[in-house]
Amino acid sequence: MRVALTGATGQIGHRIAIGLLAQGHAVVALGRRPSTLAGVEHRPHDLDGPVPDLSGMDALVHAAFSHVPGKYRGGEGDDPDGFVRRNLDGTRRLFAAAQALERVIFLSSRAVYGAYPAGTALTEDLPPLPDTLYGMVKVEAETALRALEGPVTVSLRATGVFGPAPPGQRHKWDDLFARFRAGQMPAPRIGTEVHGDDLADAVHLALTAAPERCAGGVFNLSDVVLDRRDLLRTYAGLTGIDGPLPPASDPATVSAMAPDRLRALGWRPGGLAAFPARLSEMIRGENPGHGVSATTSIT
């Protein structure tokens, strides 16, 4: 397929582009900057500007999101009106322009479930209860997507995404690892994560699955529950760097997302078994040539 991709130069969009290329799709980056990946065409687009040229496209994957750097919840900063204008109004215009395409895939978020209490098993059948402006914008964008009458539409409700950073950028745990190396005690935390490559696989499935298998149009996208203590213990084992580990977090304080619908399409994420090797890749990316071992286990 010939796929238009917004956000192709960002942390998540870059991994999606890599995955789509590996699956044989042609990728056209819609954004302010061209992708650094060979073979990716660029067409200018800004969420605040006019709709992009979608001629010749088979599908749209919308992964762009305008926010304060490093923040999604609270990403509106001191400009909530601009946040909504770019991320909701701009998305609605983009979806309307994609009406004639075969497929439109939207990268939504677990933030749509925001108000459910800790320990809730989050399934796609639960009604959205966003408790942030970010979550509200994602819910409203999902609604706009469902209103399209022509294409097959899919919203992927993604949890936190980890993986190597694009060239010239830092990965999501860069600051955490720096504090750990400096001997600072990180605060305990537990949450759900998915690797960028597994997210890209989910996008490919959403683009290619039979239309009837995409019925409902909403898919949870989450893989592992990761305690920060286990993350840093694995990091220490891979690098030989000692640092203070935070206390273990209570698993009951996290709500896990059930990705059963996506697994039914054939999605097979790496899980905890793949985590050490994937973390090793991230470490090599931040320190090229740095020797690490991928044999450390995580439980």
Protein backbone atom coordinates (compact mmCIF):
# COMPACT_ATOMS: atom_id res chain seq x y z
CA MET A 1 0.00 0.00 0.00
CA ARG A 2 0.99 3.62 -0.44
CA VAL A 3 0.63 5.06 3.06
CA ALA A 4 0.55 8.70 4.12
CA LEU A 5 2.00 8.98 7.64
CA THR A 6 1.79 12.01 9.92
CA GLY A 7 4.32 12.34 12.73
CA ALA A 8 6.93 10.33 10.79
CA THR A 9 9.85 12.22 12.36
CA GLY A 10 8.66 11.74 15.95
CA GLN A 11 9.54 9.02 18.45
CA ILE A 12 6.56 6.85 17.53
CA GLY A 13 6.07 7.79 13.89
CA HIS A 14 9.70 7.00 13.08
CA ARG A 15 9.24 3.41 14.29
CA ILE A 16 5.97 3.13 12.37
CA ALA A 17 7.73 4.27 9.19
CA ILE A 18 10.51 1.72 9.69
CA GLY A 19 7.96 -1.04 10.20
CA LEU A 20 5.85 -0.08 7.20
CA LEU A 21 8.90 0.01 4.94
CA ALA A 22 9.99 -3.40 6.21
CA GLN A 23 6.53 -4.77 5.30
CA GLY A 24 6.87 -3.49 1.74
CA HIS A 25 4.62 -0.44 2.00
CA ALA A 26 5.52 2.85 0.35
CA VAL A 27 5.58 5.65 2.95
CA VAL A 28 4.89 9.35 2.37
CA ALA A 29 5.70 11.52 5.40
CA LEU A 30 3.24 14.34 6.01
CA GLY A 31 4.89 16.93 8.23
CA ARG A 32 7.03 20.00 8.61
CA ARG A 33 10.29 18.08 8.16
CA PRO A 34 11.26 15.21 5.89
CA SER A 35 12.00 11.80 7.37
CA THR A 36 15.63 10.72 7.72
CA LEU A 37 14.72 7.28 6.34
CA ALA A 38 15.78 6.48 2.80
CA GLY A 39 12.94 6.06 0.35
CA VAL A 40 10.35 8.06 2.32
CA GLU A 41 8.73 10.82 0.27
CA HIS A 42 7.86 14.09 2.01
CA ARG A 43 4.79 16.28 1.59
CA PRO A 44 4.53 19.42 3.76
CA HIS A 45 1.80 19.43 6.40
CA ASP A 46 1.10 21.15 9.70
CA LEU A 47 -1.83 20.35 11.97
CA ASP A 48 -2.52 24.09 12.15
CA GLY A 49 -2.45 24.51 8.37
CA PRO A 50 -4.39 23.42 5.31
CA VAL A 51 -5.02 19.75 4.61
CA PRO A 52 -2.19 17.92 2.84
CA ASP A 53 -2.18 16.50 -0.65
CA LEU A 54 -3.41 12.90 -0.35
CA SER A 55 -3.54 12.17 -4.07
CA GLY A 56 -2.21 8.73 -4.92
CA MET A 57 -2.52 7.49 -1.34
CA ASP A 58 -4.21 4.22 -0.40
CA ALA A 59 -4.25 4.84 3.35
CA LEU A 60 -3.56 7.40 6.07
CA VAL A 61 -1.88 6.67 9.40
CA HIS A 62 -2.29 9.65 11.72
CA ALA A 63 0.36 9.56 14.45
CA ALA A 64 1.17 13.27 14.74
CA PHE A 65 0.33 15.11 17.94
CA SER A 66 1.25 18.64 19.01
CA HIS A 67 2.18 18.95 22.69
CA VAL A 68 4.66 20.39 25.18
CA PRO A 69 7.89 18.38 24.69
CA GLY A 70 7.93 15.25 26.86
CA LYS A 71 4.32 15.61 28.01
CA TYR A 72 1.05 14.21 26.65
CA ARG A 73 -1.20 14.51 29.68
CA GLY A 74 -0.77 18.18 30.47
CA GLY A 75 0.72 18.62 27.02
CA GLU A 76 -1.43 21.68 26.42
CA GLY A 77 0.86 23.72 28.70
CA ASP A 78 -0.51 27.26 28.94
CA ASP A 79 -2.30 27.10 25.57
CA PRO A 80 -5.30 24.75 25.85
CA ASP A 81 -7.16 26.49 23.01
CA GLY A 82 -4.24 26.04 20.62
CA PHE A 83 -3.83 22.44 21.78
CA VAL A 84 -7.45 21.67 20.85
CA ARG A 85 -7.28 23.66 17.61
CA ARG A 86 -4.24 21.77 16.37
CA ASN A 87 -4.93 18.28 17.67
CA LEU A 88 -8.71 18.05 17.32
CA ASP A 89 -9.75 20.57 14.69
CA GLY A 90 -6.67 19.77 12.60
CA THR A 91 -7.35 16.06 12.92
CA ARG A 92 -10.98 16.47 11.88
CA ARG A 93 -9.88 18.33 8.74
CA LEU A 94 -7.31 15.63 8.00
CA PHE A 95 -9.88 12.84 8.37
CA ALA A 96 -12.34 14.65 6.11
CA ALA A 97 -9.63 14.93 3.45
CA ALA A 98 -9.02 11.16 3.73
CA GLN A 99 -12.65 10.24 3.07
CA ALA A 100 -11.85 8.61 -0.28
CA LEU A 101 -8.94 6.44 0.95
CA GLU A 102 -9.17 2.71 1.61
CA ARG A 103 -8.07 2.88 5.26
CA VAL A 104 -7.52 5.49 7.95
CA ILE A 105 -5.62 4.49 11.09
CA PHE A 106 -5.52 6.80 14.12
CA LEU A 107 -3.04 6.52 16.96
CA SER A 108 -5.24 7.05 20.00
CA SER A 109 -4.25 6.54 23.65
CA ARG A 110 -5.00 4.67 26.85
CA ALA A 111 -5.75 8.16 28.21
CA VAL A 112 -9.32 7.68 26.95
CA TYR A 113 -9.81 5.42 30.02
CA GLY A 114 -8.38 8.03 32.39
CA ALA A 115 -11.02 8.14 35.16
CA TYR A 116 -11.29 4.39 35.78
CA PRO A 117 -9.88 3.38 39.19
CA ALA A 118 -6.55 1.63 39.54
CA GLY A 119 -6.79 -2.11 39.03
CA THR A 120 -9.51 -1.89 36.38
CA ALA A 121 -9.10 -4.35 33.51
CA LEU A 122 -9.32 -1.97 30.56
CA THR A 123 -11.18 -3.44 27.59
CA GLU A 124 -12.44 -1.72 24.46
CA ASP A 125 -16.04 -2.32 25.60
CA LEU A 126 -15.66 0.16 28.45
CA PRO A 127 -17.01 3.63 27.65
CA PRO A 128 -14.28 6.28 27.54
CA LEU A 129 -13.85 8.32 30.72
CA PRO A 130 -11.07 10.81 29.95
CA ASP A 131 -9.90 12.94 32.86
CA THR A 132 -7.42 15.11 30.94
CA LEU A 133 -7.66 17.43 27.97
CA TYR A 134 -5.34 15.02 26.13
CA GLY A 135 -7.71 12.11 26.71
CA MET A 136 -10.72 14.19 25.73
CA VAL A 137 -9.09 15.21 22.44
CA LYS A 138 -8.31 11.55 21.65
CA VAL A 139 -11.92 10.52 22.35
CA GLU A 140 -13.32 13.27 20.14
CA ALA A 141 -10.88 12.37 17.37
CA GLU A 142 -12.00 8.72 17.57
CA THR A 143 -15.59 9.93 17.20
CA ALA A 144 -14.67 11.94 14.10
CA LEU A 145 -12.92 8.90 12.65
CA ARG A 146 -15.95 6.65 13.14
CA ALA A 147 -18.08 9.20 11.26
CA LEU A 148 -16.18 8.60 8.01
CA GLU A 149 -18.31 6.60 5.58
CA GLY A 150 -15.80 5.51 2.95
CA PRO A 151 -12.63 3.99 4.43
CA VAL A 152 -12.10 1.19 6.91
CA THR A 153 -11.20 3.03 10.12
CA VAL A 154 -9.20 1.83 13.12
CA SER A 155 -8.25 3.59 16.35
CA LEU A 156 -5.26 2.05 18.14
CA ARG A 157 -5.39 2.95 21.83
CA ALA A 158 -1.70 2.82 22.63
CA THR A 159 -0.08 2.76 26.02
CA GLY A 160 3.40 4.17 26.71
CA VAL A 161 5.79 3.42 23.84
CA PHE A 162 9.50 2.66 24.26
CA GLY A 163 12.32 1.96 21.85
CA PRO A 164 15.36 3.56 20.23
CA ALA A 165 15.10 7.28 19.52
CA PRO A 166 15.20 8.69 15.98
CA PRO A 167 18.51 10.28 14.92
CA GLY A 168 19.28 13.39 16.95
CA GLN A 169 16.63 12.67 19.59
CA ARG A 170 16.65 11.08 23.04
CA HIS A 171 14.64 8.04 24.07
CA LYS A 172 11.93 8.24 26.73
CA TRP A 173 14.09 6.93 29.60
CA ASP A 174 17.18 9.02 28.87
CA ASP A 175 16.68 11.39 31.82
CA LEU A 176 15.74 8.53 34.17
CA PHE A 177 18.93 6.63 33.33
CA ALA A 178 21.01 9.79 33.76
CA ARG A 179 19.62 10.32 37.28
CA PHE A 180 20.25 6.66 38.08
CA ARG A 181 23.88 6.94 36.91
CA ALA A 182 24.26 10.04 39.06
CA GLY A 183 23.24 8.07 42.15
CA GLN A 184 19.82 9.66 42.57
CA MET A 185 16.97 7.56 43.93
CA PRO A 186 14.17 7.52 41.31
CA ALA A 187 10.59 7.59 42.51
CA PRO A 188 8.76 4.25 42.31
CA ARG A 189 6.42 3.82 39.37
CA ILE A 190 4.65 1.04 37.53
CA GLY A 191 2.93 1.27 34.18
CA THR A 192 2.12 -0.40 30.90
CA GLU A 193 4.43 -0.29 27.88
CA VAL A 194 4.67 -1.44 24.28
CA HIS A 195 7.72 -1.43 22.01
CA GLY A 196 7.64 0.79 18.94
CA ASP A 197 8.26 -2.18 16.64
CA ASP A 198 5.23 -3.99 18.07
CA LEU A 199 3.18 -0.84 17.58
CA ALA A 200 4.33 -0.73 13.96
CA ASP A 201 3.25 -4.36 13.55
CA ALA A 202 -0.18 -3.41 14.88
CA VAL A 203 -0.42 -0.59 12.32
CA HIS A 204 0.45 -3.03 9.53
CA LEU A 205 -2.27 -5.43 10.71
CA ALA A 206 -4.80 -2.59 10.86
CA LEU A 207 -3.90 -1.68 7.28
CA THR A 208 -4.12 -5.19 5.88
CA ALA A 209 -6.66 -7.19 7.93
CA ALA A 210 -9.92 -8.06 6.21
CA PRO A 211 -12.42 -5.22 6.74
CA GLU A 212 -14.84 -7.44 8.67
CA ARG A 213 -12.06 -8.26 11.17
CA CYS A 214 -11.72 -4.55 11.95
CA ALA A 215 -15.35 -4.34 13.05
CA GLY A 216 -15.76 -2.00 15.99
CA GLY A 217 -12.73 -0.05 14.91
CA VAL A 218 -11.08 0.23 18.33
CA PHE A 219 -8.12 -1.86 19.48
CA ASN A 220 -6.13 -1.71 22.72
CA LEU A 221 -2.38 -1.66 22.12
CA SER A 222 -0.36 -2.69 25.17
CA ASP A 223 2.16 -5.40 25.97
CA VAL A 224 3.91 -5.45 29.36
CA VAL A 225 3.38 -4.13 32.87
CA LEU A 226 6.77 -2.69 33.82
CA ASP A 227 7.90 -1.72 37.31
CA ARG A 228 10.56 1.01 37.33
CA ARG A 229 12.56 -1.08 39.80
CA ASP A 230 12.73 -3.94 37.28
CA LEU A 231 13.56 -1.51 34.46
CA LEU A 232 16.52 -0.05 36.36
CA ARG A 233 17.66 -3.44 37.63
CA THR A 234 17.78 -4.64 34.02
CA TYR A 235 19.60 -1.47 32.97
CA ALA A 236 22.16 -2.02 35.73
CA GLY A 237 22.68 -5.62 34.68
CA LEU A 238 23.22 -4.62 31.05
CA THR A 239 25.63 -1.77 31.75
CA GLY A 240 27.37 -2.78 34.99
CA ILE A 241 26.34 0.58 36.47
CA ASP A 242 25.23 0.44 40.08
CA GLY A 243 22.64 2.81 41.41
CA PRO A 244 19.87 3.01 43.98
CA LEU A 245 16.79 1.03 43.04
CA PRO A 246 13.38 2.40 44.02
CA PRO A 247 11.02 0.23 46.07
CA ALA A 248 8.83 -2.20 44.16
CA SER A 249 5.46 -0.78 43.19
CA ASP A 250 2.14 -2.38 43.98
CA PRO A 251 0.77 -4.09 40.82
CA ALA A 252 -2.73 -3.28 42.03
CA THR A 253 -2.04 0.42 41.34
CA VAL A 254 -1.94 -0.07 37.56
CA SER A 255 -4.79 -0.81 35.17
CA ALA A 256 -3.66 -3.22 32.49
CA MET A 257 -5.07 -2.95 28.98
CA ALA A 258 -6.38 -6.13 27.40
CA PRO A 259 -5.19 -6.34 23.74
CA ASP A 260 -7.29 -9.42 22.96
CA ARG A 261 -8.88 -7.91 19.85
CA LEU A 262 -5.47 -7.12 18.39
CA ARG A 263 -4.10 -10.55 19.25
CA ALA A 264 -7.06 -12.07 17.39
CA LEU A 265 -5.71 -10.34 14.26
CA GLY A 266 -2.39 -12.15 14.77
CA TRP A 267 -0.51 -9.51 16.78
CA ARG A 268 2.37 -11.08 18.71
CA PRO A 269 4.36 -8.55 20.78
CA GLY A 270 7.76 -9.33 22.27
CA GLY A 271 6.70 -9.30 25.94
CA LEU A 272 9.13 -9.41 28.83
CA ALA A 273 11.21 -12.09 27.10
CA ALA A 274 12.32 -9.57 24.47
CA PHE A 275 12.74 -6.67 26.87
CA PRO A 276 16.46 -7.03 27.78
CA ALA A 277 17.55 -7.20 24.14
CA ARG A 278 15.36 -4.23 23.28
CA LEU A 279 16.68 -2.20 26.20
CA SER A 280 20.21 -3.14 25.13
CA GLU A 281 19.46 -1.66 21.70
CA MET A 282 18.31 1.58 23.31
CA ILE A 283 21.49 1.77 25.40
CA ARG A 284 23.69 1.25 22.36
CA GLY A 285 21.77 4.01 20.62
CA GLU A 286 22.51 6.52 23.36
CA ASN A 287 26.13 5.36 23.67
CA PRO A 288 27.31 4.04 20.28
CA GLY A 289 29.96 1.39 20.74
CA HIS A 290 29.05 0.89 24.40
CA GLY A 291 29.31 -2.80 25.23
CA VAL A 292 26.19 -4.27 26.77
CA SER A 293 24.91 -7.77 27.24
CA ALA A 294 21.37 -8.73 26.26
CA THR A 295 21.33 -11.85 28.40
CA THR A 296 19.99 -10.21 31.56
CA SER A 297 16.54 -11.50 32.44
CA ILE A 298 13.56 -9.59 33.78
CA THR A 299 10.78 -11.11 35.83
